[in-house]
Protein backbone atom coordinates (compact mmCIF):
# COMPACT_ATOMS: atom_id res chain seq x y z
CA MET A 1 -36.70 -35.46 -64.92
CA ALA A 2 -34.98 -38.83 -64.36
CA ALA A 3 -37.01 -41.96 -63.81
CA ALA A 4 -36.88 -43.52 -60.36
CA PRO A 5 -34.43 -46.42 -60.16
CA LYS A 6 -35.95 -49.88 -60.18
CA LYS A 7 -35.25 -52.31 -57.36
CA PRO A 8 -33.95 -55.69 -58.55
CA PHE A 9 -35.04 -58.95 -56.93
CA ALA A 10 -34.88 -62.66 -57.67
CA LEU A 11 -37.99 -64.56 -58.72
CA ARG A 12 -38.17 -68.35 -58.92
CA LEU A 13 -40.73 -69.83 -61.32
CA SER A 14 -41.44 -73.37 -62.42
CA PRO A 15 -40.24 -74.17 -65.95
CA GLU A 16 -43.86 -74.48 -67.10
CA LEU A 17 -44.81 -71.09 -65.70
CA MET A 18 -41.70 -69.47 -67.18
CA GLU A 19 -42.42 -70.98 -70.60
CA ALA A 20 -46.00 -69.68 -70.56
CA LEU A 21 -44.82 -66.25 -69.40
CA GLU A 22 -42.17 -66.09 -72.14
CA LYS A 23 -44.77 -66.88 -74.79
CA TRP A 24 -47.23 -64.35 -73.42
CA ALA A 25 -44.54 -61.67 -73.30
CA ALA A 26 -43.48 -62.41 -76.88
CA ASP A 27 -47.11 -62.29 -78.03
CA GLU A 28 -47.38 -58.77 -76.59
CA PHE A 29 -43.92 -57.63 -77.77
CA ARG A 30 -42.58 -57.28 -74.23
CA SER A 31 -39.61 -58.70 -72.39
CA VAL A 32 -40.42 -61.21 -69.66
CA ASN A 33 -39.41 -58.59 -67.11
CA GLY A 34 -41.67 -56.04 -68.79
CA GLN A 35 -44.55 -58.52 -68.84
CA ILE A 36 -44.18 -59.28 -65.13
CA GLU A 37 -44.04 -55.57 -64.34
CA TYR A 38 -47.15 -54.96 -66.47
CA LEU A 39 -49.10 -57.81 -64.84
CA VAL A 40 -48.21 -56.73 -61.30
CA SER A 41 -49.05 -53.12 -62.10
CA GLU A 42 -52.43 -54.06 -63.56
CA ALA A 43 -53.24 -56.28 -60.56
CA LEU A 44 -52.33 -53.47 -58.16
CA LYS A 45 -54.49 -50.99 -60.10
CA LYS A 46 -57.42 -53.40 -60.12
CA GLU A 47 -57.21 -53.86 -56.35
CA LYS A 48 -56.64 -50.11 -55.79
CA ARG A 49 -53.36 -50.81 -54.00
CA LEU A 50 -51.09 -48.42 -55.88
CA PRO A 51 -49.92 -45.44 -53.83
CA LYS A 52 -51.55 -42.13 -54.63
CA LYS A 53 -49.44 -39.96 -56.94
CA GLY A 54 -48.54 -36.51 -55.70
CA PRO A 55 -48.37 -33.41 -57.90
CA GLU A 56 -44.60 -33.80 -58.30
CA SER A 57 -44.87 -37.33 -59.77
CA GLY A 58 -47.30 -36.30 -62.50
């Protein structure tokens, strides 16, 4: 089964925020993109805002 395609978008961050995010990502052996995706996913889980998964999505 192929993974669903990801939707690209632009994100503007201050240099200070980007620097902190780069360091955090490196500390956790992730790319900056992977770190952002992880943080957003965790925030959505915490707030119970992720869509319910159907039987076909596992």
